[in-house]
Amino acid sequence: QNGMHTLCLLDIKVKEQSLENLMKGRKI
């Protein structure tokens, strides 16, 4: 709306835990 371009930095998921493993404290 202000006439400006937008640089979008896209997500990186590295060494992320699933919700289940996070809740159970498992380093998976």
mmCIF file of all heavy atoms, coordinates in Angstrom:
data_MODEL
# 
_entry.id   MODEL 
# 
loop_
_atom_site.group_PDB 
_atom_site.id 
_atom_site.type_symbol 
_atom_site.label_atom_id 
_atom_site.label_alt_id 
_atom_site.label_comp_id 
_atom_site.label_asym_id 
_atom_site.label_entity_id 
_atom_site.label_seq_id 
_atom_site.pdbx_PDB_ins_code 
_atom_site.Cartn_x 
_atom_site.Cartn_y 
_atom_site.Cartn_z 
_atom_site.occupancy 
_atom_site.B_iso_or_equiv 
_atom_site.pdbx_formal_charge 
_atom_site.auth_seq_id 
_atom_site.auth_comp_id 
_atom_site.auth_asym_id 
_atom_site.auth_atom_id 
_atom_site.pdbx_PDB_model_num 
ATOM 1   N N   . GLN A 1 1  ? 0.830  -1.208  0.000  1.00 0.00 ? 1  GLN A N   1 
ATOM 2   C CA  . GLN A 1 1  ? 0.000  0.000   0.000  1.00 0.00 ? 1  GLN A CA  1 
ATOM 3   C C   . GLN A 1 1  ? 0.864  1.259   0.000  1.00 0.00 ? 1  GLN A C   1 
ATOM 4   O O   . GLN A 1 1  ? 0.447  2.302   -0.504 1.00 0.00 ? 1  GLN A O   1 
ATOM 5   C CB  . GLN A 1 1  ? -0.921 -0.017  1.221  1.00 0.00 ? 1  GLN A CB  1 
ATOM 6   C CG  . GLN A 1 1  ? -2.043 -1.046  1.105  1.00 0.00 ? 1  GLN A CG  1 
ATOM 7   C CD  . GLN A 1 1  ? -2.778 -1.250  2.416  1.00 0.00 ? 1  GLN A CD  1 
ATOM 8   O OE1 . GLN A 1 1  ? -2.285 -0.898  3.495  1.00 0.00 ? 1  GLN A OE1 1 
ATOM 9   N NE2 . GLN A 1 1  ? -3.972 -1.825  2.339  1.00 0.00 ? 1  GLN A NE2 1 
ATOM 10  N N   . ASN A 1 2  ? 2.069  1.139   0.563  1.00 0.00 ? 2  ASN A N   1 
ATOM 11  C CA  . ASN A 1 2  ? 3.013  2.261   0.574  1.00 0.00 ? 2  ASN A CA  1 
ATOM 12  C C   . ASN A 1 2  ? 3.949  2.263   -0.632 1.00 0.00 ? 2  ASN A C   1 
ATOM 13  O O   . ASN A 1 2  ? 4.897  3.060   -0.690 1.00 0.00 ? 2  ASN A O   1 
ATOM 14  C CB  . ASN A 1 2  ? 3.842  2.223   1.861  1.00 0.00 ? 2  ASN A CB  1 
ATOM 15  C CG  . ASN A 1 2  ? 3.032  2.552   3.093  1.00 0.00 ? 2  ASN A CG  1 
ATOM 16  O OD1 . ASN A 1 2  ? 2.059  3.292   3.016  1.00 0.00 ? 2  ASN A OD1 1 
ATOM 17  N ND2 . ASN A 1 2  ? 3.412  1.991   4.234  1.00 0.00 ? 2  ASN A ND2 1 
ATOM 18  N N   . GLY A 1 3  ? 3.694  1.352   -1.580 1.00 0.00 ? 3  GLY A N   1 
ATOM 19  C CA  . GLY A 1 3  ? 4.506  1.293   -2.789 1.00 0.00 ? 3  GLY A CA  1 
ATOM 20  C C   . GLY A 1 3  ? 5.834  0.589   -2.627 1.00 0.00 ? 3  GLY A C   1 
ATOM 21  O O   . GLY A 1 3  ? 6.684  0.644   -3.524 1.00 0.00 ? 3  GLY A O   1 
ATOM 22  N N   . MET A 1 4  ? 6.027  -0.102  -1.491 1.00 0.00 ? 4  MET A N   1 
ATOM 23  C CA  . MET A 1 4  ? 7.312  -0.723  -1.187 1.00 0.00 ? 4  MET A CA  1 
ATOM 24  C C   . MET A 1 4  ? 7.299  -2.224  -1.484 1.00 0.00 ? 4  MET A C   1 
ATOM 25  O O   . MET A 1 4  ? 6.273  -2.896  -1.354 1.00 0.00 ? 4  MET A O   1 
ATOM 26  C CB  . MET A 1 4  ? 7.667  -0.512  0.285  1.00 0.00 ? 4  MET A CB  1 
ATOM 27  C CG  . MET A 1 4  ? 7.549  0.928   0.764  1.00 0.00 ? 4  MET A CG  1 
ATOM 28  S SD  . MET A 1 4  ? 8.611  2.073   -0.145 1.00 0.00 ? 4  MET A SD  1 
ATOM 29  C CE  . MET A 1 4  ? 10.203 1.674   0.572  1.00 0.00 ? 4  MET A CE  1 
ATOM 30  N N   . HIS A 1 5  ? 8.463  -2.744  -1.865 1.00 0.00 ? 5  HIS A N   1 
ATOM 31  C CA  . HIS A 1 5  ? 8.629  -4.179  -2.056 1.00 0.00 ? 5  HIS A CA  1 
ATOM 32  C C   . HIS A 1 5  ? 8.805  -4.859  -0.697 1.00 0.00 ? 5  HIS A C   1 
ATOM 33  O O   . HIS A 1 5  ? 9.238  -4.231  0.277  1.00 0.00 ? 5  HIS A O   1 
ATOM 34  C CB  . HIS A 1 5  ? 9.854  -4.486  -2.917 1.00 0.00 ? 5  HIS A CB  1 
ATOM 35  C CG  . HIS A 1 5  ? 9.950  -3.677  -4.174 1.00 0.00 ? 5  HIS A CG  1 
ATOM 36  N ND1 . HIS A 1 5  ? 8.881  -3.491  -5.022 1.00 0.00 ? 5  HIS A ND1 1 
ATOM 37  C CD2 . HIS A 1 5  ? 11.006 -3.006  -4.736 1.00 0.00 ? 5  HIS A CD2 1 
ATOM 38  C CE1 . HIS A 1 5  ? 9.264  -2.742  -6.049 1.00 0.00 ? 5  HIS A CE1 1 
ATOM 39  N NE2 . HIS A 1 5  ? 10.540 -2.438  -5.891 1.00 0.00 ? 5  HIS A NE2 1 
ATOM 40  N N   . THR A 1 6  ? 8.524  -6.158  -0.647 1.00 0.00 ? 6  THR A N   1 
ATOM 41  C CA  . THR A 1 6  ? 8.707  -6.920  0.594  1.00 0.00 ? 6  THR A CA  1 
ATOM 42  C C   . THR A 1 6  ? 9.581  -8.140  0.341  1.00 0.00 ? 6  THR A C   1 
ATOM 43  O O   . THR A 1 6  ? 9.257  -8.982  -0.501 1.00 0.00 ? 6  THR A O   1 
ATOM 44  C CB  . THR A 1 6  ? 7.363  -7.400  1.166  1.00 0.00 ? 6  THR A CB  1 
ATOM 45  O OG1 . THR A 1 6  ? 6.479  -6.294  1.326  1.00 0.00 ? 6  THR A OG1 1 
ATOM 46  C CG2 . THR A 1 6  ? 7.575  -8.071  2.517  1.00 0.00 ? 6  THR A CG2 1 
ATOM 47  N N   . LEU A 1 7  ? 10.682 -8.219  1.075  1.00 0.00 ? 7  LEU A N   1 
ATOM 48  C CA  . LEU A 1 7  ? 11.496 -9.427  1.077  1.00 0.00 ? 7  LEU A CA  1 
ATOM 49  C C   . LEU A 1 7  ? 10.930 -10.371 2.116  1.00 0.00 ? 7  LEU A C   1 
ATOM 50  O O   . LEU A 1 7  ? 10.844 -10.027 3.298  1.00 0.00 ? 7  LEU A O   1 
ATOM 51  C CB  . LEU A 1 7  ? 12.954 -9.100  1.400  1.00 0.00 ? 7  LEU A CB  1 
ATOM 52  C CG  . LEU A 1 7  ? 13.879 -10.307 1.643  1.00 0.00 ? 7  LEU A CG  1 
ATOM 53  C CD1 . LEU A 1 7  ? 13.950 -11.208 0.418  1.00 0.00 ? 7  LEU A CD1 1 
ATOM 54  C CD2 . LEU A 1 7  ? 15.266 -9.834  2.066  1.00 0.00 ? 7  LEU A CD2 1 
ATOM 55  N N   . CYS A 1 8  ? 10.552 -11.562 1.677  1.00 0.00 ? 8  CYS A N   1 
ATOM 56  C CA  . CYS A 1 8  ? 10.010 -12.583 2.580  1.00 0.00 ? 8  CYS A CA  1 
ATOM 57  C C   . CYS A 1 8  ? 11.076 -13.656 2.804  1.00 0.00 ? 8  CYS A C   1 
ATOM 58  O O   . CYS A 1 8  ? 11.488 -14.337 1.860  1.00 0.00 ? 8  CYS A O   1 
ATOM 59  C CB  . CYS A 1 8  ? 8.760  -13.227 1.992  1.00 0.00 ? 8  CYS A CB  1 
ATOM 60  S SG  . CYS A 1 8  ? 7.448  -12.056 1.563  1.00 0.00 ? 8  CYS A SG  1 
ATOM 61  N N   . LEU A 1 9  ? 11.513 -13.781 4.049  1.00 0.00 ? 9  LEU A N   1 
ATOM 62  C CA  . LEU A 1 9  ? 12.455 -14.830 4.421  1.00 0.00 ? 9  LEU A CA  1 
ATOM 63  C C   . LEU A 1 9  ? 11.644 -16.064 4.791  1.00 0.00 ? 9  LEU A C   1 
ATOM 64  O O   . LEU A 1 9  ? 10.719 -15.986 5.608  1.00 0.00 ? 9  LEU A O   1 
ATOM 65  C CB  . LEU A 1 9  ? 13.321 -14.366 5.598  1.00 0.00 ? 9  LEU A CB  1 
ATOM 66  C CG  . LEU A 1 9  ? 14.084 -13.059 5.367  1.00 0.00 ? 9  LEU A CG  1 
ATOM 67  C CD1 . LEU A 1 9  ? 14.884 -12.686 6.608  1.00 0.00 ? 9  LEU A CD1 1 
ATOM 68  C CD2 . LEU A 1 9  ? 15.001 -13.167 4.158  1.00 0.00 ? 9  LEU A CD2 1 
ATOM 69  N N   . LEU A 1 10 ? 11.988 -17.191 4.199  1.00 0.00 ? 10 LEU A N   1 
ATOM 70  C CA  . LEU A 1 10 ? 11.151 -18.373 4.323  1.00 0.00 ? 10 LEU A CA  1 
ATOM 71  C C   . LEU A 1 10 ? 11.666 -19.315 5.408  1.00 0.00 ? 10 LEU A C   1 
ATOM 72  O O   . LEU A 1 10 ? 12.869 -19.444 5.638  1.00 0.00 ? 10 LEU A O   1 
ATOM 73  C CB  . LEU A 1 10 ? 11.069 -19.089 2.975  1.00 0.00 ? 10 LEU A CB  1 
ATOM 74  C CG  . LEU A 1 10 ? 10.653 -18.195 1.793  1.00 0.00 ? 10 LEU A CG  1 
ATOM 75  C CD1 . LEU A 1 10 ? 10.416 -19.018 0.549  1.00 0.00 ? 10 LEU A CD1 1 
ATOM 76  C CD2 . LEU A 1 10 ? 9.430  -17.342 2.142  1.00 0.00 ? 10 LEU A CD2 1 
ATOM 77  N N   . ASP A 1 11 ? 10.740 -19.986 6.041  1.00 0.00 ? 11 ASP A N   1 
ATOM 78  C CA  . ASP A 1 11 ? 11.001 -20.752 7.261  1.00 0.00 ? 11 ASP A CA  1 
ATOM 79  C C   . ASP A 1 11 ? 12.028 -21.870 7.067  1.00 0.00 ? 11 ASP A C   1 
ATOM 80  O O   . ASP A 1 11 ? 12.101 -22.499 6.008  1.00 0.00 ? 11 ASP A O   1 
ATOM 81  C CB  . ASP A 1 11 ? 9.687  -21.359 7.763  1.00 0.00 ? 11 ASP A CB  1 
ATOM 82  C CG  . ASP A 1 11 ? 9.709  -21.674 9.250  1.00 0.00 ? 11 ASP A CG  1 
ATOM 83  O OD1 . ASP A 1 11 ? 10.719 -21.368 9.921  1.00 0.00 ? 11 ASP A OD1 1 
ATOM 84  O OD2 . ASP A 1 11 ? 8.704  -22.226 9.738  1.00 0.00 ? 11 ASP A OD2 1 
ATOM 85  N N   . ILE A 1 12 ? 12.826 -22.068 8.109  1.00 0.00 ? 12 ILE A N   1 
ATOM 86  C CA  . ILE A 1 12 ? 13.791 -23.168 8.175  1.00 0.00 ? 12 ILE A CA  1 
ATOM 87  C C   . ILE A 1 12 ? 13.502 -23.946 9.454  1.00 0.00 ? 12 ILE A C   1 
ATOM 88  O O   . ILE A 1 12 ? 13.412 -23.359 10.530 1.00 0.00 ? 12 ILE A O   1 
ATOM 89  C CB  . ILE A 1 12 ? 15.244 -22.645 8.216  1.00 0.00 ? 12 ILE A CB  1 
ATOM 90  C CG1 . ILE A 1 12 ? 15.584 -21.887 6.937  1.00 0.00 ? 12 ILE A CG1 1 
ATOM 91  C CG2 . ILE A 1 12 ? 16.227 -23.776 8.445  1.00 0.00 ? 12 ILE A CG2 1 
ATOM 92  C CD1 . ILE A 1 12 ? 16.953 -21.230 6.985  1.00 0.00 ? 12 ILE A CD1 1 
ATOM 93  N N   . LYS A 1 13 ? 13.332 -25.245 9.323  1.00 0.00 ? 13 LYS A N   1 
ATOM 94  C CA  . LYS A 1 13 ? 13.133 -26.098 10.493 1.00 0.00 ? 13 LYS A CA  1 
ATOM 95  C C   . LYS A 1 13 ? 14.314 -27.056 10.589 1.00 0.00 ? 13 LYS A C   1 
ATOM 96  O O   . LYS A 1 13 ? 14.423 -28.014 9.818  1.00 0.00 ? 13 LYS A O   1 
ATOM 97  C CB  . LYS A 1 13 ? 11.828 -26.885 10.378 1.00 0.00 ? 13 LYS A CB  1 
ATOM 98  C CG  . LYS A 1 13 ? 10.569 -26.029 10.345 1.00 0.00 ? 13 LYS A CG  1 
ATOM 99  C CD  . LYS A 1 13 ? 10.305 -25.349 11.670 1.00 0.00 ? 13 LYS A CD  1 
ATOM 100 C CE  . LYS A 1 13 ? 8.962  -24.634 11.673 1.00 0.00 ? 13 LYS A CE  1 
ATOM 101 N NZ  . LYS A 1 13 ? 8.766  -23.855 12.912 1.00 0.00 ? 13 LYS A NZ  1 
ATOM 102 N N   . VAL A 1 14 ? 15.216 -26.786 11.519 1.00 0.00 ? 14 VAL A N   1 
ATOM 103 C CA  . VAL A 1 14 ? 16.400 -27.626 11.717 1.00 0.00 ? 14 VAL A CA  1 
ATOM 104 C C   . VAL A 1 14 ? 16.444 -28.049 13.175 1.00 0.00 ? 14 VAL A C   1 
ATOM 105 O O   . VAL A 1 14 ? 16.309 -27.217 14.078 1.00 0.00 ? 14 VAL A O   1 
ATOM 106 C CB  . VAL A 1 14 ? 17.690 -26.866 11.352 1.00 0.00 ? 14 VAL A CB  1 
ATOM 107 C CG1 . VAL A 1 14 ? 18.913 -27.735 11.596 1.00 0.00 ? 14 VAL A CG1 1 
ATOM 108 C CG2 . VAL A 1 14 ? 17.651 -26.419 9.905  1.00 0.00 ? 14 VAL A CG2 1 
ATOM 109 N N   . LYS A 1 15 ? 16.621 -29.325 13.414 1.00 0.00 ? 15 LYS A N   1 
ATOM 110 C CA  . LYS A 1 15 ? 16.676 -29.893 14.761 1.00 0.00 ? 15 LYS A CA  1 
ATOM 111 C C   . LYS A 1 15 ? 15.431 -29.520 15.560 1.00 0.00 ? 15 LYS A C   1 
ATOM 112 O O   . LYS A 1 15 ? 15.502 -29.088 16.705 1.00 0.00 ? 15 LYS A O   1 
ATOM 113 C CB  . LYS A 1 15 ? 17.950 -29.457 15.494 1.00 0.00 ? 15 LYS A CB  1 
ATOM 114 C CG  . LYS A 1 15 ? 18.391 -30.440 16.579 1.00 0.00 ? 15 LYS A CG  1 
ATOM 115 C CD  . LYS A 1 15 ? 19.703 -30.045 17.216 1.00 0.00 ? 15 LYS A CD  1 
ATOM 116 C CE  . LYS A 1 15 ? 20.099 -31.055 18.284 1.00 0.00 ? 15 LYS A CE  1 
ATOM 117 N NZ  . LYS A 1 15 ? 21.368 -30.677 18.963 1.00 0.00 ? 15 LYS A NZ  1 
ATOM 118 N N   . GLU A 1 16 ? 14.273 -29.692 14.934 1.00 0.00 ? 16 GLU A N   1 
ATOM 119 C CA  . GLU A 1 16 ? 13.004 -29.423 15.593 1.00 0.00 ? 16 GLU A CA  1 
ATOM 120 C C   . GLU A 1 16 ? 12.419 -30.727 16.121 1.00 0.00 ? 16 GLU A C   1 
ATOM 121 O O   . GLU A 1 16 ? 12.560 -31.790 15.506 1.00 0.00 ? 16 GLU A O   1 
ATOM 122 C CB  . GLU A 1 16 ? 12.023 -28.782 14.607 1.00 0.00 ? 16 GLU A CB  1 
ATOM 123 C CG  . GLU A 1 16 ? 12.459 -27.426 14.087 1.00 0.00 ? 16 GLU A CG  1 
ATOM 124 C CD  . GLU A 1 16 ? 12.071 -26.293 15.016 1.00 0.00 ? 16 GLU A CD  1 
ATOM 125 O OE1 . GLU A 1 16 ? 11.153 -26.483 15.835 1.00 0.00 ? 16 GLU A OE1 1 
ATOM 126 O OE2 . GLU A 1 16 ? 12.689 -25.218 14.917 1.00 0.00 ? 16 GLU A OE2 1 
ATOM 127 N N   . GLN A 1 17 ? 11.734 -30.641 17.258 1.00 0.00 ? 17 GLN A N   1 
ATOM 128 C CA  . GLN A 1 17 ? 11.083 -31.812 17.840 1.00 0.00 ? 17 GLN A CA  1 
ATOM 129 C C   . GLN A 1 17 ? 9.589  -31.789 17.549 1.00 0.00 ? 17 GLN A C   1 
ATOM 130 O O   . GLN A 1 17 ? 8.978  -30.722 17.463 1.00 0.00 ? 17 GLN A O   1 
ATOM 131 C CB  . GLN A 1 17 ? 11.300 -31.838 19.359 1.00 0.00 ? 17 GLN A CB  1 
ATOM 132 C CG  . GLN A 1 17 ? 12.736 -32.074 19.797 1.00 0.00 ? 17 GLN A CG  1 
ATOM 133 C CD  . GLN A 1 17 ? 12.888 -31.963 21.292 1.00 0.00 ? 17 GLN A CD  1 
ATOM 134 O OE1 . GLN A 1 17 ? 13.048 -30.872 21.830 1.00 0.00 ? 17 GLN A OE1 1 
ATOM 135 N NE2 . GLN A 1 17 ? 12.823 -33.089 21.982 1.00 0.00 ? 17 GLN A NE2 1 
ATOM 136 N N   . SER A 1 18 ? 8.995  -32.978 17.392 1.00 0.00 ? 18 SER A N   1 
ATOM 137 C CA  . SER A 1 18 ? 7.550  -33.058 17.286 1.00 0.00 ? 18 SER A CA  1 
ATOM 138 C C   . SER A 1 18 ? 6.951  -32.705 18.636 1.00 0.00 ? 18 SER A C   1 
ATOM 139 O O   . SER A 1 18 ? 7.628  -32.765 19.677 1.00 0.00 ? 18 SER A O   1 
ATOM 140 C CB  . SER A 1 18 ? 7.117  -34.465 16.874 1.00 0.00 ? 18 SER A CB  1 
ATOM 141 O OG  . SER A 1 18 ? 7.404  -35.393 17.914 1.00 0.00 ? 18 SER A OG  1 
ATOM 142 N N   . LEU A 1 19 ? 5.679  -32.326 18.653 1.00 0.00 ? 19 LEU A N   1 
ATOM 143 C CA  . LEU A 1 19 ? 5.020  -31.977 19.904 1.00 0.00 ? 19 LEU A CA  1 
ATOM 144 C C   . LEU A 1 19 ? 5.052  -33.149 20.878 1.00 0.00 ? 19 LEU A C   1 
ATOM 145 O O   . LEU A 1 19 ? 5.310  -32.979 22.084 1.00 0.00 ? 19 LEU A O   1 
ATOM 146 C CB  . LEU A 1 19 ? 3.575  -31.550 19.632 1.00 0.00 ? 19 LEU A CB  1 
ATOM 147 C CG  . LEU A 1 19 ? 2.756  -31.116 20.856 1.00 0.00 ? 19 LEU A CG  1 
ATOM 148 C CD1 . LEU A 1 19 ? 3.423  -29.938 21.558 1.00 0.00 ? 19 LEU A CD1 1 
ATOM 149 C CD2 . LEU A 1 19 ? 1.339  -30.765 20.436 1.00 0.00 ? 19 LEU A CD2 1 
ATOM 150 N N   . GLU A 1 20 ? 4.838  -34.357 20.357 1.00 0.00 ? 20 GLU A N   1 
ATOM 151 C CA  . GLU A 1 20 ? 4.841  -35.550 21.212 1.00 0.00 ? 20 GLU A CA  1 
ATOM 152 C C   . GLU A 1 20 ? 6.202  -35.767 21.858 1.00 0.00 ? 20 GLU A C   1 
ATOM 153 O O   . GLU A 1 20 ? 6.304  -35.980 23.073 1.00 0.00 ? 20 GLU A O   1 
ATOM 154 C CB  . GLU A 1 20 ? 4.460  -36.786 20.390 1.00 0.00 ? 20 GLU A CB  1 
ATOM 155 C CG  . GLU A 1 20 ? 4.463  -38.071 21.199 1.00 0.00 ? 20 GLU A CG  1 
ATOM 156 C CD  . GLU A 1 20 ? 4.148  -39.291 20.357 1.00 0.00 ? 20 GLU A CD  1 
ATOM 157 O OE1 . GLU A 1 20 ? 3.866  -39.123 19.152 1.00 0.00 ? 20 GLU A OE1 1 
ATOM 158 O OE2 . GLU A 1 20 ? 4.210  -40.416 20.891 1.00 0.00 ? 20 GLU A OE2 1 
ATOM 159 N N   . ASN A 1 21 ? 7.274  -35.692 21.055 1.00 0.00 ? 21 ASN A N   1 
ATOM 160 C CA  . ASN A 1 21 ? 8.611  -35.902 21.606 1.00 0.00 ? 21 ASN A CA  1 
ATOM 161 C C   . ASN A 1 21 ? 9.002  -34.783 22.568 1.00 0.00 ? 21 ASN A C   1 
ATOM 162 O O   . ASN A 1 21 ? 9.692  -35.019 23.563 1.00 0.00 ? 21 ASN A O   1 
ATOM 163 C CB  . ASN A 1 21 ? 9.640  -35.996 20.475 1.00 0.00 ? 21 ASN A CB  1 
ATOM 164 C CG  . ASN A 1 21 ? 9.543  -37.309 19.729 1.00 0.00 ? 21 ASN A CG  1 
ATOM 165 O OD1 . ASN A 1 21 ? 9.187  -38.336 20.304 1.00 0.00 ? 21 ASN A OD1 1 
ATOM 166 N ND2 . ASN A 1 21 ? 9.848  -37.285 18.438 1.00 0.00 ? 21 ASN A ND2 1 
ATOM 167 N N   . LEU A 1 22 ? 8.544  -33.559 22.264 1.00 0.00 ? 22 LEU A N   1 
ATOM 168 C CA  . LEU A 1 22 ? 8.840  -32.428 23.137 1.00 0.00 ? 22 LEU A CA  1 
ATOM 169 C C   . LEU A 1 22 ? 8.178  -32.616 24.500 1.00 0.00 ? 22 LEU A C   1 
ATOM 170 O O   . LEU A 1 22 ? 8.803  -32.406 25.553 1.00 0.00 ? 22 LEU A O   1 
ATOM 171 C CB  . LEU A 1 22 ? 8.358  -31.136 22.477 1.00 0.00 ? 22 LEU A CB  1 
ATOM 172 C CG  . LEU A 1 22 ? 8.711  -29.823 23.182 1.00 0.00 ? 22 LEU A CG  1 
ATOM 173 C CD1 . LEU A 1 22 ? 10.230 -29.625 23.221 1.00 0.00 ? 22 LEU A CD1 1 
ATOM 174 C CD2 . LEU A 1 22 ? 8.050  -28.642 22.477 1.00 0.00 ? 22 LEU A CD2 1 
ATOM 175 N N   . MET A 1 23 ? 6.911  -33.045 24.493 1.00 0.00 ? 23 MET A N   1 
ATOM 176 C CA  . MET A 1 23 ? 6.173  -33.229 25.741 1.00 0.00 ? 23 MET A CA  1 
ATOM 177 C C   . MET A 1 23 ? 6.732  -34.378 26.568 1.00 0.00 ? 23 MET A C   1 
ATOM 178 O O   . MET A 1 23 ? 6.710  -34.337 27.803 1.00 0.00 ? 23 MET A O   1 
ATOM 179 C CB  . MET A 1 23 ? 4.684  -33.466 25.434 1.00 0.00 ? 23 MET A CB  1 
ATOM 180 C CG  . MET A 1 23 ? 3.973  -32.248 24.838 1.00 0.00 ? 23 MET A CG  1 
ATOM 181 S SD  . MET A 1 23 ? 2.248  -32.581 24.418 1.00 0.00 ? 23 MET A SD  1 
ATOM 182 C CE  . MET A 1 23 ? 1.556  -32.886 26.051 1.00 0.00 ? 23 MET A CE  1 
ATOM 183 N N   . LYS A 1 24 ? 7.244  -35.389 25.892 1.00 0.00 ? 24 LYS A N   1 
ATOM 184 C CA  . LYS A 1 24 ? 7.789  -36.548 26.599 1.00 0.00 ? 24 LYS A CA  1 
ATOM 185 C C   . LYS A 1 24 ? 9.274  -36.405 26.913 1.00 0.00 ? 24 LYS A C   1 
ATOM 186 O O   . LYS A 1 24 ? 9.880  -37.306 27.502 1.00 0.00 ? 24 LYS A O   1 
ATOM 187 C CB  . LYS A 1 24 ? 7.552  -37.819 25.773 1.00 0.00 ? 24 LYS A CB  1 
ATOM 188 C CG  . LYS A 1 24 ? 6.082  -38.186 25.649 1.00 0.00 ? 24 LYS A CG  1 
ATOM 189 C CD  . LYS A 1 24 ? 5.889  -39.498 24.889 1.00 0.00 ? 24 LYS A CD  1 
ATOM 190 C CE  . LYS A 1 24 ? 4.404  -39.878 24.857 1.00 0.00 ? 24 LYS A CE  1 
ATOM 191 N NZ  . LYS A 1 24 ? 4.191  -41.152 24.124 1.00 0.00 ? 24 LYS A NZ  1 
ATOM 192 N N   . GLY A 1 25 ? 9.852  -35.248 26.515 1.00 0.00 ? 25 GLY A N   1 
ATOM 193 C CA  . GLY A 1 25 ? 11.240 -35.006 26.833 1.00 0.00 ? 25 GLY A CA  1 
ATOM 194 C C   . GLY A 1 25 ? 12.221 -35.875 26.068 1.00 0.00 ? 25 GLY A C   1 
ATOM 195 O O   . GLY A 1 25 ? 13.352 -36.083 26.516 1.00 0.00 ? 25 GLY A O   1 
ATOM 196 N N   . ARG A 1 26 ? 11.805 -36.359 24.910 1.00 0.00 ? 26 ARG A N   1 
ATOM 197 C CA  . ARG A 1 26 ? 12.676 -37.229 24.111 1.00 0.00 ? 26 ARG A CA  1 
ATOM 198 C C   . ARG A 1 26 ? 13.482 -36.400 23.122 1.00 0.00 ? 26 ARG A C   1 
ATOM 199 O O   . ARG A 1 26 ? 12.929 -35.607 22.385 1.00 0.00 ? 26 ARG A O   1 
ATOM 200 C CB  . ARG A 1 26 ? 11.845 -38.276 23.357 1.00 0.00 ? 26 ARG A CB  1 
ATOM 201 C CG  . ARG A 1 26 ? 11.102 -39.223 24.287 1.00 0.00 ? 26 ARG A CG  1 
ATOM 202 C CD  . ARG A 1 26 ? 10.404 -40.341 23.535 1.00 0.00 ? 26 ARG A CD  1 
ATOM 203 N NE  . ARG A 1 26 ? 9.392  -39.849 22.621 1.00 0.00 ? 26 ARG A NE  1 
ATOM 204 C CZ  . ARG A 1 26 ? 8.315  -40.547 22.250 1.00 0.00 ? 26 ARG A CZ  1 
ATOM 205 N NH1 . ARG A 1 26 ? 8.121  -41.764 22.723 1.00 0.00 ? 26 ARG A NH1 1 
ATOM 206 N NH2 . ARG A 1 26 ? 7.442  -40.038 21.410 1.00 0.00 ? 26 ARG A NH2 1 
ATOM 207 N N   . LYS A 1 27 ? 14.790 -36.573 23.129 1.00 0.00 ? 27 LYS A N   1 
ATOM 208 C CA  . LYS A 1 27 ? 15.681 -35.841 22.236 1.00 0.00 ? 27 LYS A CA  1 
ATOM 209 C C   . LYS A 1 27 ? 15.690 -36.495 20.848 1.00 0.00 ? 27 LYS A C   1 
ATOM 210 O O   . LYS A 1 27 ? 16.714 -36.961 20.350 1.00 0.00 ? 27 LYS A O   1 
ATOM 211 C CB  . LYS A 1 27 ? 17.092 -35.802 22.813 1.00 0.00 ? 27 LYS A CB  1 
ATOM 212 C CG  . LYS A 1 27 ? 17.202 -35.017 24.114 1.00 0.00 ? 27 LYS A CG  1 
ATOM 213 C CD  . LYS A 1 27 ? 17.053 -33.520 23.885 1.00 0.00 ? 27 LYS A CD  1 
ATOM 214 C CE  . LYS A 1 27 ? 17.295 -32.725 25.165 1.00 0.00 ? 27 LYS A CE  1 
ATOM 215 N NZ  . LYS A 1 27 ? 17.198 -31.274 24.951 1.00 0.00 ? 27 LYS A NZ  1 
ATOM 216 N N   . ILE A 1 28 ? 14.523 -36.524 20.245 1.00 0.00 ? 28 ILE A N   1 
ATOM 217 C CA  . ILE A 1 28 ? 14.358 -37.073 18.900 1.00 0.00 ? 28 ILE A CA  1 
ATOM 218 C C   . ILE A 1 28 ? 13.923 -35.922 18.001 1.00 0.00 ? 28 ILE A C   1 
ATOM 219 O O   . ILE A 1 28 ? 12.959 -35.214 18.310 1.00 0.00 ? 28 ILE A O   1 
ATOM 220 C CB  . ILE A 1 28 ? 13.306 -38.200 18.869 1.00 0.00 ? 28 ILE A CB  1 
ATOM 221 C CG1 . ILE A 1 28 ? 13.730 -39.348 19.800 1.00 0.00 ? 28 ILE A CG1 1 
ATOM 222 C CG2 . ILE A 1 28 ? 13.114 -38.711 17.438 1.00 0.00 ? 28 ILE A CG2 1 
ATOM 223 C CD1 . ILE A 1 28 ? 12.682 -40.430 19.941 1.00 0.00 ? 28 ILE A CD1 1 
# 
